[in-house]
Amino acid sequence: MTMMVDIRKLSFINEMAKVGTNGVADNMSKLTGENAQMEVTKTNFIDVDDIESQLDSGKRVGVRVRLLDPPHGHILILFPEASAKKITAIMLRDVVDDMGDVSGKMARSAVEEMGNMMASGFIDGWADVLGRAIDIAAPQLVYAPTGDIVTRTASLGGDDLALFFDSDLSVPSYQIEAEIYAFPDLEEFVEMVNGIEVQSA
């Protein structure tokens, strides 16, 4: 199995990142009623050992979602703690009157639901481009320093290299921020990308 990406397909990898993040922004906009903005900040192949040095050292709350179909791998949706609290308030605003009454379990459930919604938007974008269904497992809640979460997730693939999609989401009216990292199975992803027909000009 070759791990070399056809050079004509490199722009497609960037397009995959954009399509996925657009799906996330659309879902967030529907939930908040505000225009969510999503920016792909980095798309590259990176040594797993080098990932942590490129990340913010602060703690994050979020979900890890496993892809059950090709290209397999994992998607991470991470929120700074302040954003996670705002998300909890948005998700529960129709359920409780006083956020002081919200239990830890309810708050975790709200973050899981939001993370799953965002991951689904990302994966649906990929599925449309690839022309195939991609199911996902139930989200797993994560809470730790950013580097720990991302490095652990990247290493789950068992590869020394990871395809690192780094994207930032913001909802200005709510001052919500989120980060999305995608770690598809490298061999499967490269094979799928190389198998896509390139339109000639």
N, C-alpha and C. Protein backbone atom coordinates (compact mmCIF):
# COMPACT_ATOMS: atom_id res chain seq x y z
N MET A 1 0.85 -1.20 0.00
CA MET A 1 0.00 0.00 0.00
C MET A 1 0.89 1.25 0.00
N THR A 2 0.73 2.08 -1.01
CA THR A 2 1.55 3.29 -1.07
C THR A 2 1.02 4.35 -0.12
N MET A 3 1.96 5.08 0.50
CA MET A 3 1.57 6.20 1.36
C MET A 3 1.81 7.52 0.67
N MET A 4 2.13 7.48 -0.63
CA MET A 4 2.38 8.70 -1.38
C MET A 4 1.08 9.22 -1.96
N VAL A 5 0.82 10.50 -1.76
CA VAL A 5 -0.37 11.12 -2.32
C VAL A 5 -0.06 11.66 -3.70
N ASP A 6 -0.89 11.32 -4.67
CA ASP A 6 -0.77 11.88 -6.01
C ASP A 6 -0.76 13.41 -5.89
N ILE A 7 0.27 14.05 -6.43
CA ILE A 7 0.43 15.50 -6.24
C ILE A 7 -0.77 16.27 -6.78
N ARG A 8 -1.46 15.70 -7.77
CA ARG A 8 -2.65 16.38 -8.32
C ARG A 8 -3.81 16.38 -7.32
N LYS A 9 -3.68 15.55 -6.27
CA LYS A 9 -4.78 15.43 -5.31
C LYS A 9 -4.57 16.27 -4.04
N LEU A 10 -3.44 16.95 -3.95
CA LEU A 10 -3.15 17.69 -2.71
C LEU A 10 -4.22 18.74 -2.42
N SER A 11 -4.70 19.40 -3.47
CA SER A 11 -5.73 20.42 -3.26
C SER A 11 -7.02 19.77 -2.76
N PHE A 12 -7.22 18.50 -3.11
CA PHE A 12 -8.43 17.80 -2.66
C PHE A 12 -8.40 17.58 -1.15
N ILE A 13 -7.21 17.33 -0.61
CA ILE A 13 -7.10 17.15 0.84
C ILE A 13 -7.53 18.44 1.55
N ASN A 14 -7.10 19.58 1.04
CA ASN A 14 -7.54 20.85 1.61
C ASN A 14 -9.04 21.04 1.45
N GLU A 15 -9.56 20.59 0.32
CA GLU A 15 -11.00 20.70 0.08
C GLU A 15 -11.79 19.84 1.07
N MET A 16 -11.25 18.67 1.40
CA MET A 16 -11.90 17.80 2.39
C MET A 16 -11.99 18.51 3.73
N ALA A 17 -10.94 19.21 4.12
CA ALA A 17 -10.95 19.94 5.38
C ALA A 17 -12.01 21.03 5.35
N LYS A 18 -12.10 21.75 4.23
CA LYS A 18 -13.07 22.85 4.12
C LYS A 18 -14.51 22.34 4.13
N VAL A 19 -14.75 21.26 3.40
CA VAL A 19 -16.11 20.70 3.35
C VAL A 19 -16.54 20.24 4.73
N GLY A 20 -15.64 19.58 5.44
CA GLY A 20 -15.97 19.11 6.78
C GLY A 20 -16.28 20.25 7.73
N THR A 21 -15.44 21.29 7.69
CA THR A 21 -15.65 22.40 8.61
C THR A 21 -16.89 23.21 8.26
N ASN A 22 -17.24 23.27 6.98
CA ASN A 22 -18.48 23.96 6.60
C ASN A 22 -19.69 23.25 7.19
N GLY A 23 -19.63 21.91 7.23
CA GLY A 23 -20.73 21.16 7.83
C GLY A 23 -20.86 21.45 9.32
N VAL A 24 -19.73 21.61 9.98
CA VAL A 24 -19.75 21.95 11.41
C VAL A 24 -20.35 23.33 11.62
N ALA A 25 -19.90 24.31 10.84
CA ALA A 25 -20.39 25.68 10.98
C ALA A 25 -21.89 25.76 10.73
N ASP A 26 -22.37 25.01 9.74
CA ASP A 26 -23.81 25.01 9.44
C ASP A 26 -24.61 24.49 10.63
N ASN A 27 -24.16 23.40 11.22
CA ASN A 27 -24.88 22.83 12.37
C ASN A 27 -24.86 23.77 13.56
N MET A 28 -23.72 24.42 13.79
CA MET A 28 -23.62 25.36 14.90
C MET A 28 -24.51 26.59 14.67
N SER A 29 -24.57 27.05 13.43
CA SER A 29 -25.42 28.20 13.10
C SER A 29 -26.89 27.90 13.35
N LYS A 30 -27.31 26.68 12.99
CA LYS A 30 -28.70 26.28 13.21
C LYS A 30 -29.03 26.26 14.70
N LEU A 31 -28.08 25.79 15.50
CA LEU A 31 -28.33 25.66 16.94
C LEU A 31 -28.40 27.01 17.62
N THR A 32 -27.48 27.90 17.29
CA THR A 32 -27.38 29.18 18.00
C THR A 32 -28.21 30.28 17.36
N GLY A 33 -28.57 30.11 16.08
CA GLY A 33 -29.26 31.18 15.37
C GLY A 33 -28.32 32.30 14.98
N GLU A 34 -27.03 32.08 15.17
CA GLU A 34 -26.01 33.08 14.80
C GLU A 34 -25.11 32.50 13.72
N ASN A 35 -24.42 33.38 13.01
CA ASN A 35 -23.55 32.95 11.93
C ASN A 35 -22.23 32.44 12.49
N ALA A 36 -22.04 31.14 12.50
CA ALA A 36 -20.79 30.54 12.99
C ALA A 36 -19.74 30.63 11.88
N GLN A 37 -18.52 30.91 12.28
CA GLN A 37 -17.43 31.05 11.32
C GLN A 37 -16.40 29.96 11.57
N MET A 38 -15.98 29.32 10.50
CA MET A 38 -15.04 28.21 10.62
C MET A 38 -13.86 28.47 9.71
N GLU A 39 -12.66 28.28 10.23
CA GLU A 39 -11.46 28.50 9.45
C GLU A 39 -10.53 27.29 9.60
N VAL A 40 -10.07 26.78 8.45
CA VAL A 40 -9.08 25.72 8.47
C VAL A 40 -7.71 26.38 8.64
N THR A 41 -7.07 26.14 9.77
CA THR A 41 -5.81 26.83 10.06
C THR A 41 -4.58 26.02 9.65
N LYS A 42 -4.73 24.71 9.54
CA LYS A 42 -3.57 23.89 9.21
C LYS A 42 -4.02 22.55 8.66
N THR A 43 -3.41 22.13 7.58
CA THR A 43 -3.65 20.79 7.03
C THR A 43 -2.30 20.24 6.59
N ASN A 44 -1.77 19.28 7.31
CA ASN A 44 -0.49 18.71 6.90
C ASN A 44 -0.27 17.34 7.52
N PHE A 45 0.72 16.66 6.98
CA PHE A 45 1.17 15.40 7.55
C PHE A 45 2.22 15.73 8.60
N ILE A 46 2.10 15.16 9.78
CA ILE A 46 2.97 15.54 10.87
C ILE A 46 3.37 14.32 11.69
N ASP A 47 4.59 14.33 12.21
CA ASP A 47 5.02 13.28 13.12
C ASP A 47 4.18 13.36 14.39
N VAL A 48 3.65 12.23 14.83
CA VAL A 48 2.83 12.21 16.04
C VAL A 48 3.60 12.79 17.22
N ASP A 49 4.89 12.51 17.30
CA ASP A 49 5.70 12.99 18.41
C ASP A 49 5.85 14.51 18.42
N ASP A 50 5.61 15.15 17.28
CA ASP A 50 5.79 16.60 17.18
C ASP A 50 4.51 17.40 17.39
N ILE A 51 3.38 16.69 17.49
CA ILE A 51 2.10 17.39 17.54
C ILE A 51 1.98 18.27 18.78
N GLU A 52 2.34 17.73 19.94
CA GLU A 52 2.10 18.43 21.19
C GLU A 52 2.80 19.79 21.24
N SER A 53 3.96 19.90 20.61
CA SER A 53 4.72 21.16 20.64
C SER A 53 4.01 22.27 19.88
N GLN A 54 3.04 21.94 19.04
CA GLN A 54 2.35 22.93 18.23
C GLN A 54 0.99 23.34 18.81
N LEU A 55 0.68 22.85 20.00
CA LEU A 55 -0.65 23.07 20.56
C LEU A 55 -0.63 23.95 21.79
N ASP A 56 -1.76 24.60 22.03
CA ASP A 56 -1.97 25.35 23.26
C ASP A 56 -1.90 24.40 24.45
N SER A 57 -1.32 24.87 25.55
CA SER A 57 -1.14 23.99 26.71
C SER A 57 -2.36 23.93 27.64
N GLY A 58 -3.36 24.78 27.37
CA GLY A 58 -4.53 24.82 28.25
C GLY A 58 -5.39 23.57 28.16
N LYS A 59 -6.24 23.38 29.16
CA LYS A 59 -7.15 22.22 29.17
C LYS A 59 -8.31 22.44 28.21
N ARG A 60 -8.82 21.32 27.71
CA ARG A 60 -9.96 21.35 26.82
C ARG A 60 -10.98 20.31 27.27
N VAL A 61 -12.24 20.61 26.96
CA VAL A 61 -13.36 19.69 27.18
C VAL A 61 -13.92 19.37 25.80
N GLY A 62 -14.23 18.11 25.57
CA GLY A 62 -14.78 17.81 24.26
C GLY A 62 -15.08 16.34 24.07
N VAL A 63 -15.13 15.93 22.80
CA VAL A 63 -15.44 14.54 22.49
C VAL A 63 -14.47 14.00 21.45
N ARG A 64 -14.22 12.71 21.58
CA ARG A 64 -13.48 11.95 20.57
C ARG A 64 -14.49 11.03 19.90
N VAL A 65 -14.55 11.08 18.57
CA VAL A 65 -15.51 10.27 17.83
C VAL A 65 -14.76 9.35 16.87
N ARG A 66 -15.09 8.07 16.92
CA ARG A 66 -14.42 7.08 16.07
C ARG A 66 -15.25 6.84 14.81
N LEU A 67 -14.60 6.82 13.66
CA LEU A 67 -15.27 6.52 12.40
C LEU A 67 -15.35 5.01 12.23
N LEU A 68 -16.56 4.53 11.99
CA LEU A 68 -16.78 3.08 11.87
C LEU A 68 -16.60 2.57 10.45
N ASP A 69 -16.49 3.49 9.50
CA ASP A 69 -16.31 3.14 8.09
C ASP A 69 -15.08 3.86 7.55
N PRO A 70 -14.56 3.39 6.38
CA PRO A 70 -13.42 4.07 5.78
C PRO A 70 -13.72 5.56 5.59
N PRO A 71 -12.76 6.45 5.88
CA PRO A 71 -11.35 6.15 6.14
C PRO A 71 -11.02 5.85 7.60
N HIS A 72 -11.98 5.46 8.40
CA HIS A 72 -11.77 5.13 9.81
C HIS A 72 -11.02 6.26 10.53
N GLY A 73 -10.39 5.95 11.66
CA GLY A 73 -9.70 7.00 12.41
C GLY A 73 -10.62 7.69 13.40
N HIS A 74 -10.24 8.91 13.80
CA HIS A 74 -10.97 9.65 14.83
C HIS A 74 -11.09 11.13 14.48
N ILE A 75 -12.15 11.73 15.00
CA ILE A 75 -12.35 13.17 14.93
C ILE A 75 -12.40 13.69 16.37
N LEU A 76 -11.73 14.79 16.62
CA LEU A 76 -11.76 15.43 17.93
C LEU A 76 -12.45 16.78 17.82
N ILE A 77 -13.38 17.03 18.73
CA ILE A 77 -14.01 18.34 18.86
C ILE A 77 -13.68 18.84 20.27
N LEU A 78 -12.93 19.91 20.38
CA LEU A 78 -12.47 20.39 21.69
C LEU A 78 -12.90 21.83 21.94
N PHE A 79 -13.30 22.10 23.18
CA PHE A 79 -13.72 23.44 23.59
C PHE A 79 -12.86 23.92 24.76
N PRO A 80 -12.41 25.19 24.74
CA PRO A 80 -11.86 25.76 25.97
C PRO A 80 -12.92 25.70 27.06
N GLU A 81 -12.51 25.65 28.31
CA GLU A 81 -13.47 25.46 29.40
C GLU A 81 -14.56 26.53 29.43
N ALA A 82 -14.18 27.79 29.16
CA ALA A 82 -15.18 28.87 29.17
C ALA A 82 -16.23 28.64 28.08
N SER A 83 -15.80 28.18 26.91
CA SER A 83 -16.74 27.91 25.82
C SER A 83 -17.63 26.72 26.16
N ALA A 84 -17.06 25.71 26.84
CA ALA A 84 -17.85 24.54 27.22
C ALA A 84 -19.00 24.94 28.13
N LYS A 85 -18.75 25.89 29.03
CA LYS A 85 -19.81 26.36 29.94
C LYS A 85 -20.91 27.08 29.16
N LYS A 86 -20.51 27.86 28.16
CA LYS A 86 -21.51 28.57 27.35
C LYS A 86 -22.33 27.60 26.51
N ILE A 87 -21.66 26.56 26.02
CA ILE A 87 -22.35 25.54 25.24
C ILE A 87 -23.39 24.82 26.10
N THR A 88 -23.00 24.53 27.33
CA THR A 88 -23.93 23.89 28.26
C THR A 88 -25.18 24.74 28.43
N ALA A 89 -24.97 26.04 28.58
CA ALA A 89 -26.11 26.96 28.75
C ALA A 89 -27.00 26.96 27.52
N ILE A 90 -26.41 26.96 26.32
CA ILE A 90 -27.20 26.96 25.09
C ILE A 90 -28.00 25.67 24.95
N MET A 91 -27.34 24.55 25.21
CA MET A 91 -27.99 23.26 25.03
C MET A 91 -29.13 23.04 26.03
N LEU A 92 -29.01 23.66 27.20
CA LEU A 92 -29.99 23.40 28.27
C LEU A 92 -30.95 24.58 28.50
N ARG A 93 -30.88 25.59 27.65
CA ARG A 93 -31.67 26.80 27.93
C ARG A 93 -33.17 26.55 27.91
N ASP A 94 -33.59 25.54 27.15
CA ASP A 94 -35.03 25.23 27.10
C ASP A 94 -35.43 24.19 28.14
N VAL A 95 -34.44 23.74 28.93
CA VAL A 95 -34.70 22.67 29.89
C VAL A 95 -34.70 23.19 31.33
N VAL A 96 -33.78 24.10 31.63
CA VAL A 96 -33.66 24.61 33.00
C VAL A 96 -33.72 26.14 33.00
N ASP A 97 -34.24 26.70 34.09
CA ASP A 97 -34.31 28.15 34.24
C ASP A 97 -33.06 28.71 34.90
N ASP A 98 -32.50 27.95 35.80
CA ASP A 98 -31.34 28.40 36.56
C ASP A 98 -30.17 27.45 36.30
N MET A 99 -29.11 27.97 35.66
CA MET A 99 -27.96 27.12 35.34
C MET A 99 -27.26 26.61 36.60
N GLY A 100 -27.55 27.25 37.72
CA GLY A 100 -26.98 26.78 38.98
C GLY A 100 -27.53 25.43 39.40
N ASP A 101 -28.67 25.06 38.79
CA ASP A 101 -29.29 23.77 39.12
C ASP A 101 -28.76 22.63 38.25
N VAL A 102 -27.89 22.97 37.29
CA VAL A 102 -27.41 21.96 36.35
C VAL A 102 -26.36 21.06 37.02
N SER A 103 -26.58 19.77 36.96
CA SER A 103 -25.63 18.82 37.55
C SER A 103 -24.44 18.61 36.62
N GLY A 104 -23.39 18.03 37.17
CA GLY A 104 -22.23 17.72 36.35
C GLY A 104 -22.58 16.77 35.23
N LYS A 105 -23.47 15.82 35.53
CA LYS A 105 -23.88 14.84 34.53
C LYS A 105 -24.61 15.52 33.38
N MET A 106 -25.50 16.48 33.71
CA MET A 106 -26.22 17.21 32.66
C MET A 106 -25.26 18.02 31.80
N ALA A 107 -24.28 18.65 32.44
CA ALA A 107 -23.32 19.46 31.71
C ALA A 107 -22.49 18.59 30.76
N ARG A 108 -22.05 17.43 31.25
CA ARG A 108 -21.27 16.52 30.40
C ARG A 108 -22.10 16.04 29.22
N SER A 109 -23.37 15.74 29.50
CA SER A 109 -24.26 15.28 28.44
C SER A 109 -24.44 16.35 27.37
N ALA A 110 -24.54 17.60 27.80
CA ALA A 110 -24.71 18.71 26.85
C ALA A 110 -23.49 18.85 25.95
N VAL A 111 -22.29 18.75 26.55
CA VAL A 111 -21.06 18.86 25.76
C VAL A 111 -20.95 17.68 24.79
N GLU A 112 -21.31 16.48 25.26
CA GLU A 112 -21.29 15.30 24.39
C GLU A 112 -22.23 15.49 23.20
N GLU A 113 -23.42 16.01 23.48
CA GLU A 113 -24.41 16.18 22.41
C GLU A 113 -23.92 17.21 21.40
N MET A 114 -23.37 18.33 21.89
CA MET A 114 -22.85 19.36 21.00
C MET A 114 -21.68 18.81 20.18
N GLY A 115 -20.76 18.13 20.84
CA GLY A 115 -19.62 17.57 20.13
C GLY A 115 -20.04 16.57 19.07
N ASN A 116 -21.01 15.75 19.40
CA ASN A 116 -21.51 14.75 18.44
C ASN A 116 -22.17 15.44 17.25
N MET A 117 -22.90 16.51 17.51
CA MET A 117 -23.55 17.27 16.44
C MET A 117 -22.51 17.85 15.49
N MET A 118 -21.43 18.40 16.07
CA MET A 118 -20.39 18.99 15.26
C MET A 118 -19.62 17.93 14.48
N ALA A 119 -19.31 16.81 15.14
CA ALA A 119 -18.61 15.72 14.45
C ALA A 119 -19.44 15.18 13.30
N SER A 120 -20.75 15.07 13.52
CA SER A 120 -21.64 14.56 12.47
C SER A 120 -21.63 15.49 11.27
N GLY A 121 -21.63 16.80 11.52
CA GLY A 121 -21.56 17.77 10.43
C GLY A 121 -20.28 17.61 9.62
N PHE A 122 -19.17 17.39 10.33
CA PHE A 122 -17.88 17.21 9.68
C PHE A 122 -17.89 15.96 8.81
N ILE A 123 -18.33 14.84 9.40
CA ILE A 123 -18.32 13.56 8.69
C ILE A 123 -19.31 13.55 7.54
N ASP A 124 -20.47 14.20 7.70
CA ASP A 124 -21.45 14.26 6.61
C ASP A 124 -20.85 14.96 5.40
N GLY A 125 -20.04 16.00 5.65
CA GLY A 125 -19.36 16.69 4.55
C GLY A 125 -18.41 15.76 3.82
N TRP A 126 -17.65 14.97 4.58
CA TRP A 126 -16.74 14.01 3.96
C TRP A 126 -17.51 12.96 3.17
N ALA A 127 -18.60 12.45 3.76
CA ALA A 127 -19.38 11.40 3.11
C ALA A 127 -19.92 11.88 1.76
N ASP A 128 -20.36 13.14 1.71
CA ASP A 128 -20.89 13.69 0.45
C ASP A 128 -19.81 13.73 -0.62
N VAL A 129 -18.61 14.19 -0.24
CA VAL A 129 -17.52 14.30 -1.20
C VAL A 129 -17.06 12.93 -1.68
N LEU A 130 -16.97 11.98 -0.75
CA LEU A 130 -16.47 10.65 -1.08
C LEU A 130 -17.54 9.75 -1.70
N GLY A 131 -18.80 10.19 -1.61
CA GLY A 131 -19.88 9.41 -2.19
C GLY A 131 -20.12 8.11 -1.46
N ARG A 132 -19.98 8.11 -0.13
CA ARG A 132 -20.19 6.89 0.66
C ARG A 132 -20.70 7.27 2.04
N ALA A 133 -21.38 6.32 2.69
CA ALA A 133 -21.85 6.55 4.05
C ALA A 133 -20.70 6.32 5.03
N ILE A 134 -20.62 7.17 6.05
CA ILE A 134 -19.60 7.00 7.09
C ILE A 134 -20.32 7.08 8.43
N ASP A 135 -20.46 5.94 9.08
CA ASP A 135 -21.08 5.91 10.40
C ASP A 135 -20.04 6.21 11.47
N ILE A 136 -20.52 6.73 12.61
CA ILE A 136 -19.61 7.04 13.70
C ILE A 136 -20.09 6.37 14.99
N ALA A 137 -19.14 6.09 15.88
CA ALA A 137 -19.46 5.51 17.17
C ALA A 137 -19.96 6.59 18.11
N ALA A 138 -20.51 6.19 19.25
CA ALA A 138 -20.95 7.16 20.25
C ALA A 138 -19.76 7.99 20.71
N PRO A 139 -19.97 9.30 20.93
CA PRO A 139 -18.84 10.15 21.32
C PRO A 139 -18.31 9.80 22.70
N GLN A 140 -17.00 9.92 22.85
CA GLN A 140 -16.35 9.69 24.14
C GLN A 140 -15.91 11.03 24.71
N LEU A 141 -16.37 11.36 25.90
CA LEU A 141 -16.02 12.64 26.52
C LEU A 141 -14.54 12.66 26.90
N VAL A 142 -13.87 13.78 26.62
CA VAL A 142 -12.46 13.93 26.99
C VAL A 142 -12.28 15.24 27.74
N TYR A 143 -11.36 15.23 28.70
CA TYR A 143 -11.05 16.44 29.47
C TYR A 143 -9.62 16.33 29.96
N ALA A 144 -8.72 17.14 29.39
CA ALA A 144 -7.30 17.08 29.72
C ALA A 144 -6.61 18.23 28.99
N PRO A 145 -5.32 18.45 29.24
CA PRO A 145 -4.57 19.42 28.43
C PRO A 145 -4.66 19.06 26.95
N THR A 146 -4.72 20.08 26.10
CA THR A 146 -4.90 19.88 24.67
C THR A 146 -3.91 18.88 24.09
N GLY A 147 -2.63 19.08 24.42
CA GLY A 147 -1.60 18.21 23.86
C GLY A 147 -1.79 16.76 24.21
N ASP A 148 -2.22 16.49 25.45
CA ASP A 148 -2.44 15.11 25.88
C ASP A 148 -3.55 14.46 25.05
N ILE A 149 -4.66 15.19 24.88
CA ILE A 149 -5.81 14.63 24.15
C ILE A 149 -5.44 14.37 22.69
N VAL A 150 -4.85 15.37 22.05
CA VAL A 150 -4.56 15.26 20.62
C VAL A 150 -3.50 14.20 20.34
N THR A 151 -2.44 14.19 21.14
CA THR A 151 -1.38 13.20 20.94
C THR A 151 -1.89 11.79 21.16
N ARG A 152 -2.70 11.60 22.22
CA ARG A 152 -3.25 10.27 22.50
C ARG A 152 -4.15 9.81 21.34
N THR A 153 -4.96 10.73 20.83
CA THR A 153 -5.87 10.38 19.73
C THR A 153 -5.09 10.04 18.47
N ALA A 154 -4.08 10.85 18.17
CA ALA A 154 -3.27 10.61 16.97
C ALA A 154 -2.57 9.26 17.05
N SER A 155 -2.13 8.88 18.25
CA SER A 155 -1.38 7.63 18.42
C SER A 155 -2.27 6.39 18.34
N LEU A 156 -3.60 6.58 18.44
CA LEU A 156 -4.51 5.43 18.35
C LEU A 156 -4.43 4.74 17.00
N GLY A 157 -4.01 5.49 15.99
CA GLY A 157 -3.90 4.90 14.66
C GLY A 157 -2.70 3.99 14.49
N GLY A 158 -1.76 4.08 15.43
CA GLY A 158 -0.58 3.21 15.37
C GLY A 158 0.44 3.63 14.33
N ASP A 159 0.26 4.83 13.73
CA ASP A 159 1.21 5.32 12.74
C ASP A 159 2.14 6.35 13.36
N ASP A 160 3.35 6.46 12.81
CA ASP A 160 4.26 7.52 13.25
C ASP A 160 3.83 8.87 12.71
N LEU A 161 3.16 8.84 11.57
CA LEU A 161 2.66 10.06 10.94
C LEU A 161 1.15 10.15 11.12
N ALA A 162 0.65 11.37 11.17
CA ALA A 162 -0.80 11.59 11.21
C ALA A 162 -1.14 12.70 10.22
N LEU A 163 -2.32 12.60 9.62
CA LEU A 163 -2.82 13.69 8.79
C LEU A 163 -3.56 14.62 9.73
N PHE A 164 -3.04 15.82 9.87
CA PHE A 164 -3.45 16.74 10.92
C PHE A 164 -4.31 17.84 10.32
N PHE A 165 -5.64 17.74 10.49
CA PHE A 165 -6.56 18.81 10.11
C PHE A 165 -6.81 19.64 11.36
N ASP A 166 -6.39 20.87 11.37
CA ASP A 166 -6.59 21.75 12.51
C ASP A 166 -7.51 22.88 12.07
N SER A 167 -8.66 23.01 12.71
CA SER A 167 -9.64 24.03 12.33
C SER A 167 -10.15 24.75 13.56
N ASP A 168 -10.45 26.02 13.41
CA ASP A 168 -11.00 26.82 14.51
C ASP A 168 -12.42 27.27 14.17
N LEU A 169 -13.30 27.14 15.15
CA LEU A 169 -14.68 27.58 15.02
C LEU A 169 -14.93 28.72 15.99
N SER A 170 -15.66 29.73 15.54
CA SER A 170 -16.05 30.79 16.47
C SER A 170 -17.49 31.21 16.19
N VAL A 171 -18.20 31.49 17.27
CA VAL A 171 -19.55 32.06 17.19
C VAL A 171 -19.46 33.39 17.94
N PRO A 172 -19.17 34.48 17.23
CA PRO A 172 -18.85 35.76 17.88
C PRO A 172 -19.87 36.24 18.89
N SER A 173 -21.15 36.11 18.57
CA SER A 173 -22.19 36.64 19.47
C SER A 173 -22.15 35.94 20.83
N TYR A 174 -21.75 34.68 20.84
CA TYR A 174 -21.71 33.91 22.09
C TYR A 174 -20.30 33.78 22.65
N GLN A 175 -19.31 34.28 21.89
CA GLN A 175 -17.90 34.14 22.28
C GLN A 175 -17.55 32.67 22.57
N ILE A 176 -18.02 31.82 21.66
CA ILE A 176 -17.73 30.39 21.74
C ILE A 176 -16.60 30.06 20.76
N GLU A 177 -15.66 29.29 21.22
CA GLU A 177 -14.58 28.83 20.36
C GLU A 177 -14.50 27.31 20.43
N ALA A 178 -14.05 26.72 19.34
CA ALA A 178 -13.86 25.26 19.32
C ALA A 178 -12.74 24.93 18.36
N GLU A 179 -12.11 23.80 18.59
CA GLU A 179 -11.06 23.31 17.71
C GLU A 179 -11.44 21.92 17.23
N ILE A 180 -11.16 21.65 15.97
CA ILE A 180 -11.46 20.35 15.39
C ILE A 180 -10.19 19.76 14.81
N TYR A 181 -9.93 18.50 15.16
CA TYR A 181 -8.79 17.79 14.62
C TYR A 181 -9.29 16.48 14.03
N ALA A 182 -8.83 16.16 12.83
CA ALA A 182 -9.23 14.92 12.18
C ALA A 182 -8.00 14.04 11.96
N PHE A 183 -8.11 12.79 12.37
CA PHE A 183 -7.02 11.84 12.21
C PHE A 183 -7.54 10.58 11.52
N PRO A 184 -7.74 10.63 10.19
CA PRO A 184 -8.18 9.43 9.49
C PRO A 184 -7.05 8.41 9.45
N ASP A 185 -7.43 7.14 9.24
CA ASP A 185 -6.43 6.10 9.02
C ASP A 185 -5.63 6.50 7.78
N LEU A 186 -4.33 6.63 7.93
CA LEU A 186 -3.51 7.24 6.89
C LEU A 186 -3.52 6.44 5.59
N GLU A 187 -3.34 5.13 5.69
CA GLU A 187 -3.31 4.31 4.47
C GLU A 187 -4.64 4.36 3.73
N GLU A 188 -5.74 4.23 4.48
CA GLU A 188 -7.06 4.24 3.85
C GLU A 188 -7.34 5.60 3.22
N PHE A 189 -7.00 6.65 3.94
CA PHE A 189 -7.29 7.99 3.44
C PHE A 189 -6.51 8.27 2.16
N VAL A 190 -5.22 7.92 2.17
CA VAL A 190 -4.39 8.15 0.98
C VAL A 190 -4.92 7.33 -0.20
N GLU A 191 -5.31 6.09 0.07
CA GLU A 191 -5.85 5.24 -0.99
C GLU A 191 -7.14 5.85 -1.57
N MET A 192 -8.00 6.36 -0.70
CA MET A 192 -9.26 6.96 -1.17
C MET A 192 -8.99 8.22 -1.97
N VAL A 193 -8.07 9.05 -1.49
CA VAL A 193 -7.75 10.29 -2.21
C VAL A 193 -7.15 9.98 -3.58
N ASN A 194 -6.22 9.03 -3.63
CA ASN A 194 -5.59 8.68 -4.90
C ASN A 194 -6.57 8.03 -5.88
N GLY A 195 -7.66 7.47 -5.34
CA GLY A 195 -8.64 6.82 -6.19
C GLY A 195 -9.66 7.76 -6.79
N ILE A 196 -9.62 9.01 -6.40
CA ILE A 196 -10.60 9.99 -6.88
C ILE A 196 -10.18 10.49 -8.25
N GLU A 197 -11.15 10.55 -9.15
CA GLU A 197 -10.86 11.03 -10.50
C GLU A 197 -10.59 12.53 -10.48
N VAL A 198 -9.51 12.92 -11.14
CA VAL A 198 -9.17 14.34 -11.24
C VAL A 198 -9.75 14.91 -12.53
N GLN A 199 -10.47 16.01 -12.40
CA GLN A 199 -11.06 16.64 -13.58
C GLN A 199 -9.96 17.37 -14.35
N SER A 200 -9.83 17.09 -15.64
CA SER A 200 -8.82 17.79 -16.43
C SER A 200 -9.41 19.08 -16.95
N ALA A 201 -8.56 20.10 -17.01
CA ALA A 201 -9.03 21.42 -17.43
C ALA A 201 -9.29 21.43 -18.92
